[in-house]
N, C-alpha and C. Protein backbone atom coordinates (compact mmCIF):
# COMPACT_ATOMS: atom_id res chain seq x y z
N UNK A 1 26.31 -75.47 -28.77
CA UNK A 1 24.98 -74.40 -28.77
C UNK A 1 24.12 -75.08 -29.83
N UNK A 2 23.07 -74.43 -29.23
CA UNK A 2 21.47 -74.74 -29.16
C UNK A 2 20.68 -73.49 -30.74
N UNK A 3 20.04 -74.78 -31.14
CA UNK A 3 19.86 -73.78 -32.01
C UNK A 3 18.78 -72.71 -31.63
N UNK A 4 18.05 -71.79 -30.48
CA UNK A 4 17.94 -70.98 -30.27
C UNK A 4 19.31 -69.31 -30.15
N UNK A 5 20.33 -70.30 -30.07
CA UNK A 5 21.80 -69.28 -30.34
C UNK A 5 21.80 -69.13 -31.89
N UNK A 6 21.90 -70.21 -32.44
CA UNK A 6 21.84 -70.49 -33.78
C UNK A 6 21.33 -69.44 -34.49
N UNK A 7 19.34 -69.56 -34.70
CA UNK A 7 19.11 -68.25 -35.29
C UNK A 7 19.70 -66.91 -35.63
N UNK A 8 20.15 -66.25 -34.18
CA UNK A 8 20.15 -64.91 -34.40
C UNK A 8 21.92 -65.09 -35.55
N UNK A 9 22.25 -65.71 -35.51
CA UNK A 9 24.21 -66.15 -35.75
C UNK A 9 23.60 -65.57 -37.50
N UNK A 10 22.82 -66.38 -37.87
CA UNK A 10 22.56 -67.16 -39.17
C UNK A 10 21.59 -65.76 -39.80
N UNK A 11 20.74 -64.92 -39.40
CA UNK A 11 20.24 -64.05 -39.22
C UNK A 11 21.20 -62.66 -39.78
N UNK A 12 21.84 -62.66 -38.47
CA UNK A 12 22.38 -62.17 -39.02
C UNK A 12 24.00 -61.66 -40.62
N UNK A 13 23.92 -62.93 -40.13
CA UNK A 13 24.71 -63.65 -41.60
C UNK A 13 24.63 -62.88 -42.81
N UNK A 14 22.75 -62.94 -42.91
CA UNK A 14 22.15 -62.73 -44.16
C UNK A 14 22.06 -60.72 -43.94
N UNK A 15 21.26 -60.12 -42.58
CA UNK A 15 21.72 -58.72 -42.82
C UNK A 15 22.96 -58.08 -43.43
N UNK A 16 23.94 -58.35 -42.83
CA UNK A 16 25.61 -58.29 -43.53
C UNK A 16 25.79 -58.28 -45.26
N UNK A 17 24.81 -58.55 -45.71
CA UNK A 17 25.30 -59.31 -47.05
C UNK A 17 23.13 -58.18 -47.56
N UNK A 18 24.55 -57.47 -48.64
CA UNK A 18 23.43 -56.57 -49.74
C UNK A 18 22.56 -57.68 -49.85
N UNK A 19 22.90 -58.12 -50.68
CA UNK A 19 22.40 -59.20 -52.32
C UNK A 19 21.68 -59.86 -51.04
N UNK A 20 21.22 -60.77 -50.09
CA UNK A 20 20.85 -62.19 -49.87
C UNK A 20 20.07 -60.56 -49.32
N UNK A 21 20.06 -59.62 -48.67
CA UNK A 21 18.65 -58.92 -47.78
C UNK A 21 17.33 -58.30 -48.63
N UNK A 22 18.26 -57.66 -49.44
CA UNK A 22 16.90 -57.79 -50.54
C UNK A 22 16.34 -59.15 -50.97
N UNK A 23 16.90 -59.98 -51.84
CA UNK A 23 16.31 -61.05 -51.81
C UNK A 23 15.61 -61.44 -50.67
N UNK A 24 15.38 -60.91 -49.52
CA UNK A 24 14.52 -61.99 -48.77
C UNK A 24 13.76 -61.12 -48.00
N UNK A 25 14.53 -59.51 -48.18
CA UNK A 25 12.49 -58.88 -47.68
C UNK A 25 11.75 -58.85 -48.80
N UNK A 26 10.73 -58.26 -47.90
CA UNK A 26 8.76 -57.97 -48.62
C UNK A 26 8.69 -56.42 -49.25
N UNK A 27 7.94 -56.65 -50.14
CA UNK A 27 7.38 -55.06 -50.72
C UNK A 27 7.58 -54.10 -48.88
N UNK A 28 7.58 -53.29 -49.20
CA UNK A 28 7.35 -51.75 -48.53
C UNK A 28 5.81 -51.51 -47.63
N UNK A 29 5.15 -51.92 -46.56
CA UNK A 29 3.19 -52.09 -46.61
C UNK A 29 2.50 -51.40 -47.19
N UNK A 30 3.44 -49.76 -46.63
CA UNK A 30 2.52 -48.49 -47.41
C UNK A 30 2.96 -48.04 -49.00
N UNK A 31 4.11 -47.86 -49.13
CA UNK A 31 4.79 -47.89 -50.43
C UNK A 31 4.30 -48.94 -51.74
N UNK A 32 4.70 -50.08 -51.13
CA UNK A 32 4.93 -51.02 -52.31
C UNK A 32 6.06 -51.18 -53.13
N UNK A 33 6.99 -50.48 -52.45
CA UNK A 33 8.19 -50.87 -52.99
C UNK A 33 9.25 -52.02 -52.28
N UNK A 34 10.44 -52.08 -53.07
CA UNK A 34 11.02 -53.34 -53.03
C UNK A 34 12.49 -52.44 -52.23
N UNK A 35 13.58 -53.30 -51.73
CA UNK A 35 14.23 -52.78 -50.66
C UNK A 35 14.88 -52.60 -51.99
N UNK A 36 15.67 -50.91 -52.39
CA UNK A 36 16.46 -50.66 -53.21
C UNK A 36 18.65 -51.61 -52.76
N UNK A 37 18.99 -51.32 -53.09
CA UNK A 37 20.63 -52.15 -53.37
C UNK A 37 21.20 -51.43 -52.66
N UNK A 38 20.91 -49.34 -52.91
CA UNK A 38 21.92 -48.94 -51.96
C UNK A 38 21.29 -49.18 -50.80
N UNK A 39 19.68 -48.55 -50.39
CA UNK A 39 19.44 -49.15 -48.54
C UNK A 39 20.13 -50.26 -48.23
N UNK A 40 19.86 -51.43 -48.95
CA UNK A 40 20.27 -52.17 -48.26
C UNK A 40 22.12 -52.67 -48.19
N UNK A 41 22.64 -51.22 -49.00
CA UNK A 41 24.16 -51.59 -49.06
C UNK A 41 24.17 -50.60 -47.07
N UNK A 42 23.59 -49.32 -47.15
CA UNK A 42 23.93 -48.54 -45.92
C UNK A 42 23.10 -49.27 -45.02
N UNK A 43 22.19 -50.06 -44.81
CA UNK A 43 22.11 -51.38 -44.07
C UNK A 43 23.13 -51.93 -43.95
N UNK A 44 23.56 -53.23 -44.58
CA UNK A 44 25.05 -53.43 -44.10
C UNK A 44 25.99 -53.10 -43.88
N UNK A 45 26.33 -51.23 -44.32
CA UNK A 45 27.05 -50.99 -43.83
C UNK A 45 27.12 -49.97 -42.55
N UNK A 46 25.77 -49.97 -41.76
CA UNK A 46 26.03 -49.29 -40.33
C UNK A 46 26.49 -50.63 -40.13
N UNK A 47 25.30 -51.12 -40.12
CA UNK A 47 25.61 -52.38 -38.96
C UNK A 47 26.93 -53.08 -39.49
N UNK A 48 27.26 -53.13 -39.88
CA UNK A 48 28.74 -53.58 -39.64
C UNK A 48 30.31 -52.58 -38.99
N UNK A 49 29.82 -50.96 -38.82
CA UNK A 49 30.10 -50.36 -38.31
C UNK A 49 30.10 -50.04 -36.72
N UNK A 50 28.70 -50.70 -36.62
CA UNK A 50 28.46 -50.83 -35.02
C UNK A 50 28.60 -51.73 -34.87
N UNK A 51 28.98 -52.94 -34.51
CA UNK A 51 29.29 -54.39 -34.43
C UNK A 51 30.70 -54.37 -33.51
N UNK A 52 31.20 -53.25 -34.16
CA UNK A 52 32.54 -53.38 -33.16
C UNK A 52 32.69 -53.01 -31.01
N UNK A 53 31.76 -52.62 -31.12
CA UNK A 53 31.79 -52.55 -29.49
C UNK A 53 30.32 -53.74 -29.21
N UNK A 54 29.60 -54.26 -29.75
CA UNK A 54 29.57 -55.44 -29.68
C UNK A 54 30.74 -56.69 -29.63
N UNK A 55 30.83 -56.87 -30.51
CA UNK A 55 32.51 -57.50 -30.26
C UNK A 55 33.92 -57.12 -29.10
N UNK A 56 33.76 -56.19 -29.24
CA UNK A 56 34.46 -56.16 -28.11
C UNK A 56 33.66 -56.24 -26.60
N UNK A 57 33.20 -56.07 -26.75
CA UNK A 57 32.03 -56.47 -25.04
C UNK A 57 32.06 -57.93 -25.22
N UNK A 58 31.89 -59.15 -26.42
CA UNK A 58 31.94 -60.33 -25.70
C UNK A 58 33.20 -60.96 -26.35
N UNK A 59 33.77 -59.87 -26.63
CA UNK A 59 35.47 -60.61 -25.46
C UNK A 59 35.57 -59.94 -23.91
N UNK A 60 35.18 -58.97 -23.46
CA UNK A 60 35.33 -59.03 -21.75
C UNK A 60 34.53 -60.06 -21.22
N UNK A 61 33.64 -60.38 -21.98
CA UNK A 61 32.31 -61.53 -21.37
C UNK A 61 33.62 -62.75 -21.48
N UNK A 62 34.07 -62.76 -22.66
CA UNK A 62 35.05 -63.99 -22.49
C UNK A 62 36.02 -64.50 -22.02
N UNK A 63 36.65 -62.89 -21.70
CA UNK A 63 37.33 -62.91 -20.19
C UNK A 63 37.12 -63.36 -19.63
N UNK A 64 36.21 -63.08 -19.26
CA UNK A 64 36.06 -62.91 -17.93
C UNK A 64 35.35 -64.25 -17.16
N UNK A 65 34.43 -64.96 -18.33
CA UNK A 65 34.17 -66.34 -18.44
C UNK A 65 35.39 -67.09 -18.08
N UNK A 66 36.41 -67.26 -18.90
CA UNK A 66 37.98 -67.68 -18.95
C UNK A 66 38.51 -67.34 -17.60
N UNK A 67 38.48 -66.37 -16.85
CA UNK A 67 38.92 -66.32 -15.96
C UNK A 67 38.90 -66.56 -14.39
N UNK A 68 37.37 -66.59 -14.61
CA UNK A 68 36.84 -67.75 -14.05
C UNK A 68 36.86 -68.98 -13.61
N UNK A 69 37.30 -69.57 -14.69
CA UNK A 69 37.44 -70.83 -14.97
C UNK A 69 38.73 -71.12 -14.20
N UNK A 70 39.61 -70.06 -14.38
CA UNK A 70 41.15 -70.67 -13.97
C UNK A 70 41.43 -70.55 -12.62
N UNK A 71 40.07 -69.49 -12.28
CA UNK A 71 40.69 -69.25 -10.43
C UNK A 71 40.78 -70.53 -9.52
N UNK A 72 42.05 -70.76 -9.54
CA UNK A 72 42.55 -72.16 -8.57
C UNK A 72 41.51 -71.75 -7.23
N UNK A 73 41.88 -70.69 -6.31
CA UNK A 73 41.38 -71.18 -5.15
C UNK A 73 40.14 -70.07 -4.88
N UNK A 74 39.03 -70.66 -5.21
CA UNK A 74 37.72 -70.10 -5.11
C UNK A 74 37.30 -68.76 -3.43
N UNK A 75 38.52 -69.85 -2.98
CA UNK A 75 37.59 -69.05 -1.06
C UNK A 75 39.07 -67.47 -1.15
N UNK A 76 39.34 -67.55 -1.90
CA UNK A 76 40.33 -66.56 -2.08
C UNK A 76 39.95 -64.71 -2.73
N UNK A 77 38.94 -65.55 -4.06
CA UNK A 77 38.56 -64.39 -5.17
C UNK A 77 37.33 -64.25 -5.29
N UNK A 78 36.71 -63.31 -4.81
CA UNK A 78 35.38 -63.85 -4.84
C UNK A 78 35.00 -63.22 -7.00
N UNK A 79 34.03 -63.54 -7.03
CA UNK A 79 33.40 -63.28 -9.11
C UNK A 79 33.03 -61.41 -9.29
N UNK A 80 32.68 -60.82 -8.37
CA UNK A 80 32.70 -59.34 -8.06
C UNK A 80 33.98 -59.13 -7.99
N UNK A 81 35.38 -59.58 -7.56
CA UNK A 81 36.54 -58.87 -7.33
C UNK A 81 36.76 -58.80 -9.57
N UNK A 82 36.60 -60.34 -9.39
CA UNK A 82 37.61 -60.61 -10.67
C UNK A 82 36.68 -59.75 -11.93
N UNK A 83 35.00 -59.56 -12.15
CA UNK A 83 34.11 -59.12 -12.83
C UNK A 83 34.54 -56.88 -12.40
N UNK A 84 35.26 -56.71 -11.27
CA UNK A 84 35.46 -55.21 -11.55
C UNK A 84 37.49 -54.83 -11.81
N UNK A 85 37.09 -55.99 -12.04
CA UNK A 85 39.19 -56.00 -12.08
C UNK A 85 38.87 -55.66 -14.29
N UNK A 86 38.21 -56.97 -14.53
CA UNK A 86 37.77 -56.59 -16.03
C UNK A 86 37.60 -55.55 -16.51
N UNK A 87 36.48 -55.00 -16.06
CA UNK A 87 35.79 -54.14 -16.07
C UNK A 87 36.92 -52.39 -16.73
N UNK A 88 37.19 -52.42 -15.22
CA UNK A 88 38.56 -51.51 -15.23
C UNK A 88 39.05 -52.00 -16.33
N UNK A 89 39.47 -52.87 -17.01
CA UNK A 89 40.74 -53.27 -17.92
C UNK A 89 40.11 -52.89 -19.66
N UNK A 90 38.85 -53.25 -19.55
CA UNK A 90 38.66 -52.64 -20.99
C UNK A 90 37.88 -51.62 -21.56
N UNK A 91 36.86 -51.49 -19.99
CA UNK A 91 35.62 -49.56 -20.62
C UNK A 91 36.48 -49.22 -19.50
N UNK A 92 36.52 -47.64 -19.71
CA UNK A 92 36.84 -46.64 -19.21
C UNK A 92 36.06 -45.72 -18.31
N UNK A 93 34.80 -46.17 -18.88
CA UNK A 93 33.52 -45.52 -17.55
C UNK A 93 33.69 -46.12 -16.63
N UNK A 94 33.62 -45.24 -15.20
CA UNK A 94 32.84 -45.46 -13.55
C UNK A 94 31.88 -46.54 -13.62
N UNK A 95 32.38 -47.80 -12.96
CA UNK A 95 31.02 -48.57 -12.69
C UNK A 95 30.16 -48.39 -11.66
N UNK A 96 28.82 -48.45 -11.69
CA UNK A 96 27.59 -48.24 -10.48
C UNK A 96 28.24 -48.25 -9.39
N UNK A 97 27.75 -47.92 -8.48
CA UNK A 97 27.79 -48.48 -7.26
C UNK A 97 26.56 -50.01 -7.31
N UNK A 98 26.94 -51.12 -6.71
CA UNK A 98 25.81 -51.95 -6.23
C UNK A 98 25.63 -52.58 -7.56
N UNK A 99 26.29 -52.68 -8.79
CA UNK A 99 26.03 -53.35 -10.41
C UNK A 99 26.30 -54.84 -10.21
N UNK A 100 25.54 -55.18 -10.22
CA UNK A 100 25.49 -56.81 -10.03
C UNK A 100 25.39 -57.63 -11.84
N UNK A 101 25.56 -56.50 -12.41
CA UNK A 101 25.41 -56.93 -13.99
C UNK A 101 25.80 -58.54 -14.04
N UNK A 102 26.58 -59.72 -14.11
CA UNK A 102 26.97 -60.44 -14.47
C UNK A 102 25.47 -61.84 -13.73
N UNK A 103 25.50 -60.90 -12.67
CA UNK A 103 24.02 -62.07 -11.77
C UNK A 103 23.01 -62.12 -13.03
N UNK A 104 23.03 -61.01 -13.70
CA UNK A 104 21.96 -61.67 -15.31
C UNK A 104 22.26 -61.82 -16.24
N UNK A 105 23.43 -62.84 -16.30
CA UNK A 105 24.41 -62.88 -17.28
C UNK A 105 24.12 -64.31 -17.76
N UNK A 106 23.01 -64.69 -18.26
CA UNK A 106 22.62 -66.06 -17.98
C UNK A 106 23.51 -66.77 -18.58
N UNK A 107 24.35 -66.79 -19.90
CA UNK A 107 25.81 -67.93 -20.58
C UNK A 107 26.45 -67.69 -19.25
N UNK A 108 26.66 -67.44 -18.18
CA UNK A 108 28.15 -67.80 -17.86
C UNK A 108 27.36 -67.70 -16.23
N UNK A 109 26.18 -67.72 -15.94
CA UNK A 109 25.54 -67.49 -14.69
C UNK A 109 24.25 -68.15 -14.78
N UNK A 110 24.22 -69.42 -15.37
CA UNK A 110 22.54 -69.05 -16.01
C UNK A 110 22.50 -71.56 -14.95
N UNK A 111 21.41 -71.80 -15.68
CA UNK A 111 21.22 -73.27 -15.54
C UNK A 111 22.05 -73.91 -15.19
N UNK A 112 22.08 -74.04 -16.22
CA UNK A 112 23.46 -75.51 -16.85
C UNK A 112 24.96 -74.77 -16.93
N UNK A 113 24.96 -74.26 -15.29
CA UNK A 113 26.70 -73.19 -15.45
C UNK A 113 27.67 -73.81 -15.19
N UNK A 114 28.54 -74.07 -16.46
CA UNK A 114 29.33 -75.03 -16.88
C UNK A 114 31.07 -74.20 -17.40
N UNK A 115 31.77 -74.36 -16.90
CA UNK A 115 33.08 -73.67 -17.08
C UNK A 115 32.85 -72.96 -18.84
N UNK A 116 33.33 -71.76 -18.52
CA UNK A 116 33.92 -71.46 -20.01
C UNK A 116 32.56 -71.63 -21.05
N UNK A 117 31.63 -71.66 -20.52
CA UNK A 117 30.52 -71.49 -21.34
C UNK A 117 30.01 -71.12 -22.54
N UNK A 118 31.08 -69.54 -22.30
CA UNK A 118 30.76 -68.08 -23.07
C UNK A 118 31.92 -68.78 -24.07
N UNK A 119 32.73 -68.52 -23.73
CA UNK A 119 33.81 -68.73 -24.53
C UNK A 119 33.57 -69.65 -25.26
N UNK A 120 32.97 -71.25 -24.89
CA UNK A 120 32.98 -72.15 -25.93
C UNK A 120 31.53 -71.60 -26.69
N UNK A 121 30.95 -70.72 -26.69
CA UNK A 121 29.73 -70.36 -27.46
C UNK A 121 30.39 -69.12 -28.31
N UNK A 122 30.99 -68.73 -28.58
CA UNK A 122 31.81 -67.79 -29.23
C UNK A 122 32.67 -68.86 -30.27
N UNK A 123 32.96 -69.94 -30.03
CA UNK A 123 33.72 -70.48 -30.68
C UNK A 123 33.20 -70.91 -31.44
N UNK A 124 31.85 -71.81 -31.37
CA UNK A 124 30.58 -72.50 -31.96
C UNK A 124 30.11 -71.09 -32.98
N UNK A 125 29.62 -70.28 -32.60
CA UNK A 125 29.74 -69.31 -33.70
C UNK A 125 31.24 -68.72 -34.74
N UNK A 126 32.23 -68.98 -34.69
CA UNK A 126 33.43 -68.49 -35.54
C UNK A 126 33.00 -69.56 -36.38
N UNK A 127 32.92 -70.92 -36.12
CA UNK A 127 32.84 -72.34 -36.96
C UNK A 127 31.66 -71.77 -37.74
N UNK A 128 30.59 -71.77 -37.00
CA UNK A 128 29.23 -71.27 -38.05
C UNK A 128 29.97 -70.06 -39.35
N UNK A 129 30.39 -69.00 -38.83
CA UNK A 129 30.12 -67.97 -39.58
C UNK A 129 31.99 -68.50 -40.55
N UNK A 130 32.32 -68.94 -40.16
CA UNK A 130 33.34 -70.14 -41.79
C UNK A 130 32.40 -70.67 -42.39
N UNK A 131 31.61 -71.85 -41.80
CA UNK A 131 30.95 -72.13 -42.77
C UNK A 131 29.52 -71.90 -43.63
N UNK A 132 29.44 -70.95 -43.04
CA UNK A 132 28.21 -69.83 -44.32
C UNK A 132 29.61 -69.01 -45.17
N UNK A 133 30.47 -68.53 -44.48
CA UNK A 133 31.27 -68.04 -45.89
C UNK A 133 31.91 -69.19 -47.22
N UNK A 134 31.96 -70.06 -46.74
CA UNK A 134 32.37 -71.02 -48.01
C UNK A 134 31.17 -71.36 -48.78
């Protein structure tokens, strides 16, 4: 995991902790008021509720990544077939025709394309969160 990937996780950790968010925030530009504890709690609560979709999407990408890694014969199965199969397993909405979304998903199809790269990144994030919680 690179420092570029690490910074958003650390910032996210601070945003979910209302006390730390209050301590790190500056005064409002126009009113000059500091961030109240109530507002910080509301921010943390709304973010914690909205994180479910991101977690589910990360689970989808990790499963897709590991399935690609596990393919024995790449001549028999194309990544598009695997993508559409996983998409129907995880999401109820209909996929658009000509949707080649994974092509732009850099953690899997990036410059240094290595197998199960996205999955290993998720494990790095889990370890970091455990360290920050201690």
